[in-house]
Amino acid sequence: MAEPELLGPRETFEKLNSGAALLVCAYDDEEKFKALHLEGAISLKEFRSRLASLSKDHEIIFYCA
């Protein structure tokens, strides 16, 4: 398993734009997600529901504000 790494905004944007990564808002609380999510991010709840169908090669970027 790869070690987590800190990404800057530019690198994150490029990975999301190319489809190489999935952006996940790491808040378990749906109200926080609604208030603090970034464009294109999915909620932690949605991520959990899609986990089984995600490719193991797909990069996942978690963030919290």
Protein backbone atom coordinates (compact mmCIF):
# COMPACT_ATOMS: atom_id res chain seq x y z
CA MET A 1 0.00 0.00 0.00
CA ALA A 2 1.30 3.45 -0.90
CA GLU A 3 2.06 5.95 1.81
CA PRO A 4 -0.27 8.97 1.96
CA GLU A 5 1.20 12.16 0.55
CA LEU A 6 0.33 15.81 0.80
CA LEU A 7 -0.77 17.30 -2.53
CA GLY A 8 -0.91 20.95 -3.43
CA PRO A 9 -3.89 22.58 -5.11
CA ARG A 10 -2.34 22.57 -8.62
CA GLU A 11 -1.45 18.86 -8.56
CA THR A 12 -4.87 17.97 -7.11
CA PHE A 13 -6.63 20.01 -9.80
CA GLU A 14 -4.61 18.32 -12.56
CA LYS A 15 -5.33 14.82 -11.26
CA LEU A 16 -9.05 15.56 -10.95
CA ASN A 17 -9.24 17.18 -14.39
CA SER A 18 -7.54 14.21 -16.04
CA GLY A 19 -9.85 11.74 -14.30
CA ALA A 20 -6.91 10.10 -12.55
CA ALA A 21 -8.27 10.76 -9.07
CA LEU A 22 -11.47 10.91 -7.07
CA LEU A 23 -11.96 13.75 -4.57
CA VAL A 24 -13.63 12.79 -1.29
CA CYS A 25 -14.71 15.21 1.42
CA ALA A 26 -13.64 13.40 4.59
CA TYR A 27 -16.43 14.65 6.84
CA ASP A 28 -18.79 11.97 8.13
CA ASP A 29 -21.45 14.60 8.86
CA GLU A 30 -23.64 15.36 5.81
CA GLU A 31 -24.26 18.94 6.98
CA LYS A 32 -20.52 19.64 7.06
CA PHE A 33 -20.21 18.09 3.61
CA LYS A 34 -22.94 20.35 2.25
CA ALA A 35 -21.33 23.42 3.79
CA LEU A 36 -17.68 22.64 3.05
CA HIS A 37 -17.44 20.47 -0.07
CA LEU A 38 -15.35 21.48 -3.04
CA GLU A 39 -16.66 21.32 -6.59
CA GLY A 40 -16.51 17.77 -7.89
CA ALA A 41 -16.09 16.17 -4.46
CA ILE A 42 -18.23 13.32 -3.26
CA SER A 43 -19.31 12.74 0.32
CA LEU A 44 -17.74 10.13 2.55
CA LYS A 45 -21.10 8.35 2.59
CA GLU A 46 -21.16 8.17 -1.22
CA PHE A 47 -17.53 7.05 -1.27
CA ARG A 48 -18.32 4.18 1.08
CA SER A 49 -21.23 3.09 -1.11
CA ARG A 50 -19.00 3.09 -4.23
CA LEU A 51 -15.93 1.54 -2.61
CA ALA A 52 -16.52 -1.99 -3.91
CA SER A 53 -16.79 -0.75 -7.51
CA LEU A 54 -13.69 1.47 -7.51
CA SER A 55 -10.57 0.32 -9.28
CA LYS A 56 -7.62 -0.34 -6.99
CA ASP A 57 -5.52 1.70 -9.44
CA HIS A 58 -7.71 4.80 -9.06
CA GLU A 59 -6.16 7.45 -6.84
CA ILE A 60 -8.37 8.78 -4.05
CA ILE A 61 -7.77 12.22 -2.58
CA PHE A 62 -9.33 12.91 0.82
CA TYR A 63 -9.58 16.40 2.22
CA CYS A 64 -11.18 18.29 5.08
CA ALA A 65 -11.47 22.04 5.47
